[in-house]
Amino acid sequence: MSTPVLDVRDLTVEFHTRRGVLTALDRISFEIGRGEVLGVVGESGAGKSVTGSAVIGLIDPPGKIATGEVRLSGDRIDHLAPEALRRIRGKRIGMIFQDPLTSLNPLYTVGQQLVETIQAHTDLSAADARKRAIALLTEVGIPAAERRIDGYPHHFSGGMRQRVVIALALCADPEFVIADEPTTALDVSVQAQIITVLKRMCADHGTAVMLVTHDMGVIAETADRVAVMYAGRIIEVGPVAEVVNHSLHPYAQGLMGAIPTLADTADRLASIPGSMPRLSAIPPGCPFNPRCAKAFAPCMTVRPELKEPGTGAPPIPGHKAACHLYDPAFAARRDAA
């Protein structure tokens, strides 16, 4: 079996505060293969963006990685010095942010920013770097790239700026790209265009992508697999069609049930009662148990592990859930509840 591009094992991120130690990520594990898009979804505060920051070494004090490993194509990177990580970011790891205006310097043309990034991570001359920048802009769908390369960020629309940011992420032909809410501020038609660019990026470059978003429509159109996060834990992971259409965990079922459809005639959208727990008040056992209509005794005290269901659902390779409903060890107690 080939080595995954990104392999995260038992990753825990803690924030040391005056109120005590707050656990933002609690022993999460996942991997992403070459040319694969892993969608990461969940409510605000679930830990999606912290996961991306931890992977690329951007957790600032008082936060820190407490346990676990992050490997990039087999090389461990979580324990590297800041300067060594800085050399990896941009070259082997690309980043696409939610707001392209925070990624682009308004005082420099997009061409200057692309050329500088390319030269920082390659041995190309300024002339060759400019040619590559034009090629990248053309690849991500910027029309008349030879002319527009000398434009400033404010000369571009929101969708075009996001394309420039994707070009920046691809400058050094990275193995892995984190896309953090890349379509949130864009209208639906532009979202579809950006999704097409991301999918083509994976197909043409073999880039592994971690797509962080709250939009299940984007996930369904873009991702190969999806990981659902809740209170700093991955509570379900599997092929995108299985998770969307046959969710296992009650929280994932609630997320999918809240998506409106053209055939839906209900007066109100379905919703999940309650809210995400604060980091200082995560309940023991399954963190979703206070909001779960299917909770029973073990859910209150025993942390469920992420694994393929042993009962109650047909086995689908790679489809896992952290839920006692599918644990044979608790089946009798569940049925009696």
C-alpha atoms as a PDB file:
ATOM      1  CA  MET A   1       0.000   0.000   0.000  1.00  0.00           C
ATOM      2  CA  SER A   2       1.406   3.422  -0.982  1.00  0.00           C
ATOM      3  CA  THR A   3       2.400   5.948   1.664  1.00  0.00           C
ATOM      4  CA  PRO A   4      -0.313   8.588   2.181  1.00  0.00           C
ATOM      5  CA  VAL A   5       0.642  12.172   1.397  1.00  0.00           C
ATOM      6  CA  LEU A   6      -0.637  13.284   4.808  1.00  0.00           C
ATOM      7  CA  ASP A   7      -0.796  10.935   7.777  1.00  0.00           C
ATOM      8  CA  VAL A   8      -2.044  12.298  11.113  1.00  0.00           C
ATOM      9  CA  ARG A   9      -1.983   9.998  14.143  1.00  0.00           C
ATOM     10  CA  ASP A  10      -3.477  10.659  17.608  1.00  0.00           C
ATOM     11  CA  LEU A  11      -3.075  14.419  17.281  1.00  0.00           C
ATOM     12  CA  THR A  12      -3.951  16.399  20.403  1.00  0.00           C
ATOM     13  CA  VAL A  13      -3.801  20.201  20.573  1.00  0.00           C
ATOM     14  CA  GLU A  14      -4.056  21.944  23.935  1.00  0.00           C
ATOM     15  CA  PHE A  15      -4.343  25.582  24.985  1.00  0.00           C
ATOM     16  CA  HIS A  16      -2.935  26.398  28.416  1.00  0.00           C
ATOM     17  CA  THR A  17      -4.964  29.218  29.959  1.00  0.00           C
ATOM     18  CA  ARG A  18      -5.618  30.689  33.388  1.00  0.00           C
ATOM     19  CA  ARG A  19      -8.760  28.551  33.524  1.00  0.00           C
ATOM     20  CA  GLY A  20      -6.798  25.381  32.933  1.00  0.00           C
ATOM     21  CA  VAL A  21      -5.877  23.229  29.948  1.00  0.00           C
ATOM     22  CA  LEU A  22      -8.390  23.358  27.097  1.00  0.00           C
ATOM     23  CA  THR A  23      -8.270  20.498  24.592  1.00  0.00           C
ATOM     24  CA  ALA A  24      -9.090  21.795  21.101  1.00  0.00           C
ATOM     25  CA  LEU A  25      -8.218  18.550  19.294  1.00  0.00           C
ATOM     26  CA  ASP A  26      -8.579  15.238  21.094  1.00  0.00           C
ATOM     27  CA  ARG A  27      -6.552  12.369  19.577  1.00  0.00           C
ATOM     28  CA  ILE A  28      -7.676  12.688  15.983  1.00  0.00           C
ATOM     29  CA  SER A  29      -6.300  10.445  13.224  1.00  0.00           C
ATOM     30  CA  PHE A  30      -6.769  10.559   9.460  1.00  0.00           C
ATOM     31  CA  GLU A  31      -4.842  10.260   6.212  1.00  0.00           C
ATOM     32  CA  ILE A  32      -5.076  11.688   2.696  1.00  0.00           C
ATOM     33  CA  GLY A  33      -3.759   9.942  -0.399  1.00  0.00           C
ATOM     34  CA  ARG A  34      -2.253  11.365  -3.577  1.00  0.00           C
ATOM     35  CA  GLY A  35      -4.854  13.161  -5.691  1.00  0.00           C
ATOM     36  CA  GLU A  36      -7.516  12.768  -2.989  1.00  0.00           C
ATOM     37  CA  VAL A  37      -9.757  15.446  -1.492  1.00  0.00           C
ATOM     38  CA  LEU A  38     -10.738  14.944   2.146  1.00  0.00           C
ATOM     39  CA  GLY A  39     -13.600  17.220   3.184  1.00  0.00           C
ATOM     40  CA  VAL A  40     -13.672  18.267   6.851  1.00  0.00           C
ATOM     41  CA  VAL A  41     -17.056  19.503   8.099  1.00  0.00           C
ATOM     42  CA  GLY A  42     -18.713  20.463  11.374  1.00  0.00           C
ATOM     43  CA  GLU A  43     -20.174  23.406  13.247  1.00  0.00           C
ATOM     44  CA  SER A  44     -18.124  26.448  14.188  1.00  0.00           C
ATOM     45  CA  GLY A  45     -15.856  25.446  17.051  1.00  0.00           C
ATOM     46  CA  ALA A  46     -15.624  21.790  16.001  1.00  0.00           C
ATOM     47  CA  GLY A  47     -11.866  22.028  15.425  1.00  0.00           C
ATOM     48  CA  LYS A  48     -11.692  22.147  11.618  1.00  0.00           C
ATOM     49  CA  SER A  49      -9.412  25.164  11.230  1.00  0.00           C
ATOM     50  CA  VAL A  50      -7.313  24.192  14.265  1.00  0.00           C
ATOM     51  CA  THR A  51      -6.638  20.885  12.541  1.00  0.00           C
ATOM     52  CA  GLY A  52      -5.334  22.682   9.466  1.00  0.00           C
ATOM     53  CA  SER A  53      -3.207  25.032  11.558  1.00  0.00           C
ATOM     54  CA  ALA A  54      -1.730  22.147  13.551  1.00  0.00           C
ATOM     55  CA  VAL A  55      -0.828  20.225  10.406  1.00  0.00           C
ATOM     56  CA  ILE A  56       1.204  23.138   9.000  1.00  0.00           C
ATOM     57  CA  GLY A  57       2.707  24.230  12.320  1.00  0.00           C
ATOM     58  CA  LEU A  58       0.783  27.461  12.846  1.00  0.00           C
ATOM     59  CA  ILE A  59      -0.470  26.850  16.389  1.00  0.00           C
ATOM     60  CA  ASP A  60       0.695  29.856  18.402  1.00  0.00           C
ATOM     61  CA  PRO A  61       1.178  29.974  22.210  1.00  0.00           C
ATOM     62  CA  PRO A  62      -0.586  29.322  24.502  1.00  0.00           C
ATOM     63  CA  GLY A  63      -1.565  26.520  22.129  1.00  0.00           C
ATOM     64  CA  LYS A  64       0.668  23.539  21.439  1.00  0.00           C
ATOM     65  CA  ILE A  65       0.632  20.027  19.988  1.00  0.00           C
ATOM     66  CA  ALA A  66       0.538  17.849  23.107  1.00  0.00           C
ATOM     67  CA  THR A  67       0.610  14.374  21.539  1.00  0.00           C
ATOM     68  CA  GLY A  68       0.576  12.668  18.171  1.00  0.00           C
ATOM     69  CA  GLU A  69       2.412  12.806  14.867  1.00  0.00           C
ATOM     70  CA  VAL A  70       1.998  14.545  11.511  1.00  0.00           C
ATOM     71  CA  ARG A  71       3.778  12.940   8.560  1.00  0.00           C
ATOM     72  CA  LEU A  72       4.094  14.381   5.056  1.00  0.00           C
ATOM     73  CA  SER A  73       4.853  11.649   2.501  1.00  0.00           C
ATOM     74  CA  GLY A  74       6.358   9.609   5.341  1.00  0.00           C
ATOM     75  CA  ASP A  75       8.458  12.450   6.799  1.00  0.00           C
ATOM     76  CA  ARG A  76       7.519  13.566  10.291  1.00  0.00           C
ATOM     77  CA  ILE A  77       7.033  17.358  10.373  1.00  0.00           C
ATOM     78  CA  ASP A  78       5.245  18.189  13.648  1.00  0.00           C
ATOM     79  CA  HIS A  79       8.484  18.292  15.663  1.00  0.00           C
ATOM     80  CA  LEU A  80      10.480  20.434  13.228  1.00  0.00           C
ATOM     81  CA  ALA A  81      11.964  23.812  14.148  1.00  0.00           C
ATOM     82  CA  PRO A  82       9.995  26.887  12.937  1.00  0.00           C
ATOM     83  CA  GLU A  83      12.534  27.693  10.218  1.00  0.00           C
ATOM     84  CA  ALA A  84      12.410  24.141   8.835  1.00  0.00           C
ATOM     85  CA  LEU A  85       8.604  24.265   8.818  1.00  0.00           C
ATOM     86  CA  ARG A  86       8.679  27.629   7.055  1.00  0.00           C
ATOM     87  CA  ARG A  87      10.693  26.053   4.224  1.00  0.00           C
ATOM     88  CA  ILE A  88       8.097  23.278   3.897  1.00  0.00           C
ATOM     89  CA  ARG A  89       5.147  25.683   3.840  1.00  0.00           C
ATOM     90  CA  GLY A  90       4.783  27.065   0.344  1.00  0.00           C
ATOM     91  CA  LYS A  91       7.041  24.424  -1.199  1.00  0.00           C
ATOM     92  CA  ARG A  92       5.597  21.066  -0.104  1.00  0.00           C
ATOM     93  CA  ILE A  93       2.412  22.441   1.502  1.00  0.00           C
ATOM     94  CA  GLY A  94       0.147  25.074  -0.034  1.00  0.00           C
ATOM     95  CA  MET A  95      -2.593  27.074   1.709  1.00  0.00           C
ATOM     96  CA  ILE A  96      -5.812  28.550   0.316  1.00  0.00           C
ATOM     97  CA  PHE A  97      -7.524  30.904   2.761  1.00  0.00           C
ATOM     98  CA  GLN A  98     -11.175  31.897   3.031  1.00  0.00           C
ATOM     99  CA  ASP A  99     -10.636  35.584   2.257  1.00  0.00           C
ATOM    100  CA  PRO A 100      -8.199  36.122  -0.633  1.00  0.00           C
ATOM    101  CA  LEU A 101      -7.641  39.736   0.442  1.00  0.00           C
ATOM    102  CA  THR A 102      -5.838  38.462   3.551  1.00  0.00           C
ATOM    103  CA  SER A 103      -3.519  36.375   1.351  1.00  0.00           C
ATOM    104  CA  LEU A 104      -2.656  39.054  -1.210  1.00  0.00           C
ATOM    105  CA  ASN A 105      -0.630  42.200  -0.559  1.00  0.00           C
ATOM    106  CA  PRO A 106      -2.589  45.176  -1.979  1.00  0.00           C
ATOM    107  CA  LEU A 107       0.650  47.125  -2.624  1.00  0.00           C
ATOM    108  CA  TYR A 108       2.086  44.621  -5.118  1.00  0.00           C
ATOM    109  CA  THR A 109       0.792  43.287  -8.407  1.00  0.00           C
ATOM    110  CA  VAL A 110      -0.324  39.673  -8.473  1.00  0.00           C
ATOM    111  CA  GLY A 111       2.577  38.985 -10.828  1.00  0.00           C
ATOM    112  CA  GLN A 112       5.132  40.350  -8.354  1.00  0.00           C
ATOM    113  CA  GLN A 113       3.654  38.174  -5.603  1.00  0.00           C
ATOM    114  CA  LEU A 114       3.592  35.066  -7.763  1.00  0.00           C
ATOM    115  CA  VAL A 115       7.125  35.587  -9.072  1.00  0.00           C
ATOM    116  CA  GLU A 116       8.482  36.212  -5.568  1.00  0.00           C
ATOM    117  CA  THR A 117       6.835  33.047  -4.265  1.00  0.00           C
ATOM    118  CA  ILE A 118       8.082  30.951  -7.181  1.00  0.00           C
ATOM    119  CA  GLN A 119      11.649  32.223  -6.797  1.00  0.00           C
ATOM    120  CA  ALA A 120      11.557  31.637  -3.033  1.00  0.00           C
ATOM    121  CA  HIS A 121      10.978  27.913  -3.585  1.00  0.00           C
ATOM    122  CA  THR A 122      12.678  27.208  -6.918  1.00  0.00           C
ATOM    123  CA  ASP A 123      15.873  28.093  -8.796  1.00  0.00           C
ATOM    124  CA  LEU A 124      14.055  29.794 -11.686  1.00  0.00           C
ATOM    125  CA  SER A 125      15.211  33.164 -12.999  1.00  0.00           C
ATOM    126  CA  ALA A 126      12.876  36.146 -12.840  1.00  0.00           C
ATOM    127  CA  ALA A 127      11.966  35.750 -16.515  1.00  0.00           C
ATOM    128  CA  ASP A 128      11.242  32.019 -16.179  1.00  0.00           C
ATOM    129  CA  ALA A 129       9.325  32.611 -12.933  1.00  0.00           C
ATOM    130  CA  ARG A 130       7.137  35.147 -14.726  1.00  0.00           C
ATOM    131  CA  LYS A 131       6.437  32.622 -17.496  1.00  0.00           C
ATOM    132  CA  ARG A 132       5.451  30.056 -14.877  1.00  0.00           C
ATOM    133  CA  ALA A 133       3.247  32.631 -13.132  1.00  0.00           C
ATOM    134  CA  ILE A 134       1.416  33.345 -16.394  1.00  0.00           C
ATOM    135  CA  ALA A 135       0.987  29.613 -16.980  1.00  0.00           C
ATOM    136  CA  LEU A 136      -0.436  29.158 -13.475  1.00  0.00           C
ATOM    137  CA  LEU A 137      -2.883  32.046 -13.891  1.00  0.00           C
ATOM    138  CA  THR A 138      -4.027  30.553 -17.186  1.00  0.00           C
ATOM    139  CA  GLU A 139      -4.381  27.126 -15.558  1.00  0.00           C
ATOM    140  CA  VAL A 140      -6.668  28.430 -12.813  1.00  0.00           C
ATOM    141  CA  GLY A 141      -8.865  30.216 -15.325  1.00  0.00           C
ATOM    142  CA  ILE A 142      -7.676  33.844 -15.376  1.00  0.00           C
ATOM    143  CA  PRO A 143      -8.430  35.166 -18.888  1.00  0.00           C
ATOM    144  CA  ALA A 144      -5.736  37.172 -20.695  1.00  0.00           C
ATOM    145  CA  ALA A 145      -3.182  36.164 -18.054  1.00  0.00           C
ATOM    146  CA  GLU A 146      -0.305  37.833 -19.938  1.00  0.00           C
ATOM    147  CA  ARG A 147      -1.979  41.197 -19.416  1.00  0.00           C
ATOM    148  CA  ARG A 148      -3.691  40.699 -16.071  1.00  0.00           C
ATOM    149  CA  ILE A 149      -0.558  39.458 -14.337  1.00  0.00           C
ATOM    150  CA  ASP A 150       0.424  43.123 -13.865  1.00  0.00           C
ATOM    151  CA  GLY A 151      -2.856  44.018 -12.184  1.00  0.00           C
ATOM    152  CA  TYR A 152      -3.218  44.692  -8.456  1.00  0.00           C
ATOM    153  CA  PRO A 153      -5.531  42.575  -6.253  1.00  0.00           C
ATOM    154  CA  HIS A 154      -8.229  45.261  -6.244  1.00  0.00           C
ATOM    155  CA  HIS A 155      -8.415  44.983 -10.042  1.00  0.00           C
ATOM    156  CA  PHE A 156      -9.815  41.458  -9.665  1.00  0.00           C
ATOM    157  CA  SER A 157     -13.263  40.265  -8.583  1.00  0.00           C
ATOM    158  CA  GLY A 158     -13.649  38.032  -5.522  1.00  0.00           C
ATOM    159  CA  GLY A 159     -13.727  34.870  -7.612  1.00  0.00           C
ATOM    160  CA  MET A 160     -10.710  35.928  -9.666  1.00  0.00           C
ATOM    161  CA  ARG A 161      -8.768  36.821  -6.502  1.00  0.00           C
ATOM    162  CA  GLN A 162      -9.508  33.335  -5.157  1.00  0.00           C
ATOM    163  CA  ARG A 163      -8.127  31.882  -8.387  1.00  0.00           C
ATOM    164  CA  VAL A 164      -4.955  33.937  -7.871  1.00  0.00           C
ATOM    165  CA  VAL A 165      -4.660  32.512  -4.340  1.00  0.00           C
ATOM    166  CA  ILE A 166      -4.991  28.989  -5.758  1.00  0.00           C
ATOM    167  CA  ALA A 167      -2.232  29.829  -8.236  1.00  0.00           C
ATOM    168  CA  LEU A 168      -0.072  31.027  -5.322  1.00  0.00           C
ATOM    169  CA  ALA A 169      -0.728  27.740  -3.514  1.00  0.00           C
ATOM    170  CA  LEU A 170       0.423  25.816  -6.603  1.00  0.00           C
ATOM    171  CA  CYS A 171       3.581  27.874  -7.244  1.00  0.00           C
ATOM    172  CA  ALA A 172       6.025  25.235  -6.025  1.00  0.00           C
ATOM    173  CA  ASP A 173       3.900  22.239  -7.117  1.00  0.00           C
ATOM    174  CA  PRO A 174       3.121  21.170  -3.496  1.00  0.00           C
ATOM    175  CA  GLU A 175       2.251  17.638  -2.456  1.00  0.00           C
ATOM    176  CA  PHE A 176      -0.496  18.801  -0.114  1.00  0.00           C
ATOM    177  CA  VAL A 177      -2.868  21.787  -0.022  1.00  0.00           C
ATOM    178  CA  ILE A 178      -5.148  22.976   2.775  1.00  0.00           C
ATOM    179  CA  ALA A 179      -8.207  24.831   1.478  1.00  0.00           C
ATOM    180  CA  ASP A 180      -9.866  26.616   4.407  1.00  0.00           C
ATOM    181  CA  GLU A 181     -13.408  27.703   3.430  1.00  0.00           C
ATOM    182  CA  PRO A 182     -12.253  28.636  -0.105  1.00  0.00           C
ATOM    183  CA  THR A 183     -15.751  29.340  -1.469  1.00  0.00           C
ATOM    184  CA  THR A 184     -17.570  30.895   1.509  1.00  0.00           C
ATOM    185  CA  ALA A 185     -17.533  34.523   0.348  1.00  0.00           C
ATOM    186  CA  LEU A 186     -18.398  33.711  -3.272  1.00  0.00           C
ATOM    187  CA  ASP A 187     -21.723  33.463  -5.045  1.00  0.00           C
ATOM    188  CA  VAL A 188     -22.993  30.068  -6.194  1.00  0.00           C
ATOM    189  CA  SER A 189     -21.883  30.294  -9.829  1.00  0.00           C
ATOM    190  CA  VAL A 190     -18.364  31.356  -8.824  1.00  0.00           C
ATOM    191  CA  GLN A 191     -18.287  28.600  -6.184  1.00  0.00           C
ATOM    192  CA  ALA A 192     -18.889  26.054  -8.941  1.00  0.00           C
ATOM    193  CA  GLN A 193     -15.985  27.489 -10.936  1.00  0.00           C
ATOM    194  CA  ILE A 194     -13.619  27.344  -7.947  1.00  0.00           C
ATOM    195  CA  ILE A 195     -14.700  23.740  -7.248  1.00  0.00           C
ATOM    196  CA  THR A 196     -13.851  22.865 -10.855  1.00  0.00           C
ATOM    197  CA  VAL A 197     -10.401  24.438 -10.448  1.00  0.00           C
ATOM    198  CA  LEU A 198      -9.753  22.478  -7.233  1.00  0.00           C
ATOM    199  CA  LYS A 199     -10.793  19.176  -8.815  1.00  0.00           C
ATOM    200  CA  ARG A 200      -8.626  19.821 -11.870  1.00  0.00           C
ATOM    201  CA  MET A 201      -5.715  20.675  -9.563  1.00  0.00           C
ATOM    202  CA  CYS A 202      -5.984  17.246  -7.939  1.00  0.00           C
ATOM    203  CA  ALA A 203      -6.303  15.448 -11.264  1.00  0.00           C
ATOM    204  CA  ASP A 204      -3.462  17.272 -13.044  1.00  0.00           C
ATOM    205  CA  HIS A 205      -0.960  17.606 -10.191  1.00  0.00           C
ATOM    206  CA  GLY A 206      -1.880  14.623  -7.987  1.00  0.00           C
ATOM    207  CA  THR A 207      -2.158  17.065  -5.088  1.00  0.00           C
ATOM    208  CA  ALA A 208      -3.726  15.853  -1.841  1.00  0.00           C
ATOM    209  CA  VAL A 209      -6.260  18.377  -0.536  1.00  0.00           C
ATOM    210  CA  MET A 210      -7.803  18.921   2.879  1.00  0.00           C
ATOM    211  CA  LEU A 211     -10.966  20.920   2.216  1.00  0.00           C
ATOM    212  CA  VAL A 212     -12.290  22.652   5.339  1.00  0.00           C
ATOM    213  CA  THR A 213     -15.849  23.906   4.953  1.00  0.00           C
ATOM    214  CA  HIS A 214     -19.316  23.984   6.475  1.00  0.00           C
ATOM    215  CA  ASP A 215     -20.994  23.720   3.071  1.00  0.00           C
ATOM    216  CA  MET A 216     -22.110  20.142   2.393  1.00  0.00           C
ATOM    217  CA  GLY A 217     -22.894  21.067  -1.215  1.00  0.00           C
ATOM    218  CA  VAL A 218     -19.224  21.911  -1.780  1.00  0.00           C
ATOM    219  CA  ILE A 219     -18.212  18.674  -0.054  1.00  0.00           C
ATOM    220  CA  ALA A 220     -20.576  16.565  -2.166  1.00  0.00           C
ATOM    221  CA  GLU A 221     -19.255  18.126  -5.390  1.00  0.00           C
ATOM    222  CA  THR A 222     -15.557  18.146  -4.536  1.00  0.00           C
ATOM    223  CA  ALA A 223     -14.507  15.595  -1.911  1.00  0.00           C
ATOM    224  CA  ASP A 224     -13.698  11.906  -2.262  1.00  0.00           C
ATOM    225  CA  ARG A 225     -14.060  11.285   1.465  1.00  0.00           C
ATOM    226  CA  VAL A 226     -15.484  13.354   4.293  1.00  0.00           C
ATOM    227  CA  ALA A 227     -14.578  13.598   7.990  1.00  0.00           C
ATOM    228  CA  VAL A 228     -17.225  14.995  10.339  1.00  0.00           C
ATOM    229  CA  MET A 229     -15.818  16.770  13.416  1.00  0.00           C
ATOM    230  CA  TYR A 230     -17.469  17.560  16.730  1.00  0.00           C
ATOM    231  CA  ALA A 231     -15.883  19.107  19.838  1.00  0.00           C
ATOM    232  CA  GLY A 232     -12.336  18.441  18.657  1.00  0.00           C
ATOM    233  CA  ARG A 233     -12.933  14.833  17.607  1.00  0.00           C
ATOM    234  CA  ILE A 234     -13.605  13.076  14.325  1.00  0.00           C
ATOM    235  CA  ILE A 235     -16.922  11.344  14.913  1.00  0.00           C
ATOM    236  CA  GLU A 236     -17.460   9.919  11.404  1.00  0.00           C
ATOM    237  CA  VAL A 237     -15.355   9.419   8.292  1.00  0.00           C
ATOM    238  CA  GLY A 238     -15.997   7.653   5.026  1.00  0.00           C
ATOM    239  CA  PRO A 239     -16.675   7.921   1.285  1.00  0.00           C
ATOM    240  CA  VAL A 240     -18.583  11.126   0.625  1.00  0.00           C
ATOM    241  CA  ALA A 241     -21.637   9.394  -0.891  1.00  0.00           C
ATOM    242  CA  GLU A 242     -21.957   7.079   2.113  1.00  0.00           C
ATOM    243  CA  VAL A 243     -21.617   9.817   4.724  1.00  0.00           C
ATOM    244  CA  VAL A 244     -24.061  12.116   2.900  1.00  0.00           C
ATOM    245  CA  ASN A 245     -26.685   9.487   2.113  1.00  0.00           C
ATOM    246  CA  HIS A 246     -26.180   6.916   4.886  1.00  0.00           C
ATOM    247  CA  SER A 247     -24.734   8.738   7.898  1.00  0.00           C
ATOM    248  CA  LEU A 248     -24.039   6.602  10.954  1.00  0.00           C
ATOM    249  CA  HIS A 249     -23.414   9.033  13.811  1.00  0.00           C
ATOM    250  CA  PRO A 250     -26.511  10.897  15.102  1.00  0.00           C
ATOM    251  CA  TYR A 251     -24.668  14.224  14.770  1.00  0.00           C
ATOM    252  CA  ALA A 252     -23.799  13.543  11.126  1.00  0.00           C
ATOM    253  CA  GLN A 253     -27.407  12.455  10.554  1.00  0.00           C
ATOM    254  CA  GLY A 254     -28.536  15.772  12.025  1.00  0.00           C
ATOM    255  CA  LEU A 255     -26.186  17.738   9.751  1.00  0.00           C
ATOM    256  CA  MET A 256     -27.400  15.920   6.653  1.00  0.00           C
ATOM    257  CA  GLY A 257     -31.026  16.198   7.755  1.00  0.00           C
ATOM    258  CA  ALA A 258     -30.683  19.975   8.012  1.00  0.00           C
ATOM    259  CA  ILE A 259     -29.892  20.312   4.301  1.00  0.00           C
ATOM    260  CA  PRO A 260     -32.988  21.460   2.380  1.00  0.00           C
ATOM    261  CA  THR A 261     -34.007  19.605  -0.781  1.00  0.00           C
ATOM    262  CA  LEU A 262     -36.267  20.513  -3.698  1.00  0.00           C
ATOM    263  CA  ALA A 263     -38.649  17.730  -2.625  1.00  0.00           C
ATOM    264  CA  ASP A 264     -38.878  18.968   0.974  1.00  0.00           C
ATOM    265  CA  THR A 265     -42.363  20.318   1.794  1.00  0.00           C
ATOM    266  CA  ALA A 266     -41.841  20.890   5.537  1.00  0.00           C
ATOM    267  CA  ASP A 267     -42.569  24.338   6.936  1.00  0.00           C
ATOM    268  CA  ARG A 268     -39.357  24.383   8.987  1.00  0.00           C
ATOM    269  CA  LEU A 269     -35.876  23.032   8.414  1.00  0.00           C
ATOM    270  CA  ALA A 270     -34.703  20.218  10.679  1.00  0.00           C
ATOM    271  CA  SER A 271     -32.219  21.317  13.331  1.00  0.00           C
ATOM    272  CA  ILE A 272     -30.002  19.823  16.011  1.00  0.00           C
ATOM    273  CA  PRO A 273     -31.058  20.956  19.501  1.00  0.00           C
ATOM    274  CA  GLY A 274     -28.529  22.704  21.718  1.00  0.00           C
ATOM    275  CA  SER A 275     -25.100  23.976  20.711  1.00  0.00           C
ATOM    276  CA  MET A 276     -21.470  22.932  20.544  1.00  0.00           C
ATOM    277  CA  PRO A 277     -19.980  22.624  24.083  1.00  0.00           C
ATOM    278  CA  ARG A 278     -17.324  25.092  25.194  1.00  0.00           C
ATOM    279  CA  LEU A 279     -13.793  23.716  25.391  1.00  0.00           C
ATOM    280  CA  SER A 280     -13.955  24.189  29.159  1.00  0.00           C
ATOM    281  CA  ALA A 281     -17.151  22.140  29.446  1.00  0.00           C
ATOM    282  CA  ILE A 282     -16.846  19.147  27.109  1.00  0.00           C
ATOM    283  CA  PRO A 283     -18.896  16.348  28.691  1.00  0.00           C
ATOM    284  CA  PRO A 284     -17.363  12.948  29.478  1.00  0.00           C
ATOM    285  CA  GLY A 285     -18.045   9.978  27.256  1.00  0.00           C
ATOM    286  CA  CYS A 286     -19.396  10.988  23.858  1.00  0.00           C
ATOM    287  CA  PRO A 287     -19.284  14.811  23.676  1.00  0.00           C
ATOM    288  CA  PHE A 288     -22.536  14.800  21.683  1.00  0.00           C
ATOM    289  CA  ASN A 289     -24.540  12.938  24.343  1.00  0.00           C
ATOM    290  CA  PRO A 290     -26.369  16.026  25.802  1.00  0.00           C
ATOM    291  CA  ARG A 291     -27.822  16.770  22.341  1.00  0.00           C
ATOM    292  CA  CYS A 292     -28.390  13.187  21.174  1.00  0.00           C
ATOM    293  CA  ALA A 293     -31.888  11.654  21.148  1.00  0.00           C
ATOM    294  CA  LYS A 294     -30.342   8.167  20.884  1.00  0.00           C
ATOM    295  CA  ALA A 295     -27.959   8.449  23.847  1.00  0.00           C
ATOM    296  CA  PHE A 296     -27.951   5.627  26.397  1.00  0.00           C
ATOM    297  CA  ALA A 297     -25.915   4.779  29.499  1.00  0.00           C
ATOM    298  CA  PRO A 298     -22.428   4.125  27.985  1.00  0.00           C
ATOM    299  CA  CYS A 299     -22.588   7.394  26.047  1.00  0.00           C
ATOM    300  CA  MET A 300     -22.406   9.339  29.305  1.00  0.00           C
ATOM    301  CA  THR A 301     -19.161   7.820  30.573  1.00  0.00           C
ATOM    302  CA  VAL A 302     -17.273   5.869  27.877  1.00  0.00           C
ATOM    303  CA  ARG A 303     -15.539   7.605  24.974  1.00  0.00           C
ATOM    304  CA  PRO A 304     -16.526   5.872  21.698  1.00  0.00           C
ATOM    305  CA  GLU A 305     -13.651   5.008  19.387  1.00  0.00           C
ATOM    306  CA  LEU A 306     -13.700   5.715  15.659  1.00  0.00           C
ATOM    307  CA  LYS A 307     -14.146   2.349  13.948  1.00  0.00           C
ATOM    308  CA  GLU A 308     -16.209   0.455  11.410  1.00  0.00           C
ATOM    309  CA  PRO A 309     -19.625  -0.563  12.796  1.00  0.00           C
ATOM    310  CA  GLY A 310     -19.816  -4.016  14.349  1.00  0.00           C
ATOM    311  CA  THR A 311     -23.596  -4.064  14.377  1.00  0.00           C
ATOM    312  CA  GLY A 312     -26.618  -2.074  13.240  1.00  0.00           C
ATOM    313  CA  ALA A 313     -25.246  -1.021   9.825  1.00  0.00           C
ATOM    314  CA  PRO A 314     -23.895  -2.778   6.723  1.00  0.00           C
ATOM    315  CA  PRO A 315     -20.079  -2.730   6.609  1.00  0.00           C
ATOM    316  CA  ILE A 316     -18.702  -0.251   4.068  1.00  0.00           C
ATOM    317  CA  PRO A 317     -14.881  -0.282   3.739  1.00  0.00           C
ATOM    318  CA  GLY A 318     -13.470   2.907   5.226  1.00  0.00           C
ATOM    319  CA  HIS A 319     -16.793   4.114   6.676  1.00  0.00           C
ATOM    320  CA  LYS A 320     -16.234   4.569  10.404  1.00  0.00           C
ATOM    321  CA  ALA A 321     -18.154   6.172  13.241  1.00  0.00           C
ATOM    322  CA  ALA A 322     -17.382   6.949  16.872  1.00  0.00           C
ATOM    323  CA  CYS A 323     -20.729   5.826  18.261  1.00  0.00           C
ATOM    324  CA  HIS A 324     -21.786   3.167  20.794  1.00  0.00           C
ATOM    325  CA  LEU A 325     -24.896   2.425  18.727  1.00  0.00           C
ATOM    326  CA  TYR A 326     -22.733   0.257  16.474  1.00  0.00           C
ATOM    327  CA  ASP A 327     -20.598  -1.391  19.164  1.00  0.00           C
ATOM    328  CA  PRO A 328     -21.573  -5.050  19.774  1.00  0.00           C
ATOM    329  CA  ALA A 329     -20.238  -4.774  23.328  1.00  0.00           C
ATOM    330  CA  PHE A 330     -23.053  -2.360  24.153  1.00  0.00           C
ATOM    331  CA  ALA A 331     -25.756  -3.819  21.900  1.00  0.00           C
ATOM    332  CA  ALA A 332     -27.649  -5.608  24.673  1.00  0.00           C
ATOM    333  CA  ARG A 333     -27.621  -2.537  26.925  1.00  0.00           C
ATOM    334  CA  ARG A 334     -28.794  -0.363  24.046  1.00  0.00           C
ATOM    335  CA  ASP A 335     -31.695  -2.655  23.208  1.00  0.00           C
ATOM    336  CA  ALA A 336     -32.740  -2.740  26.853  1.00  0.00           C
ATOM    337  CA  ALA A 337     -32.635   1.070  27.173  1.00  0.00           C
END
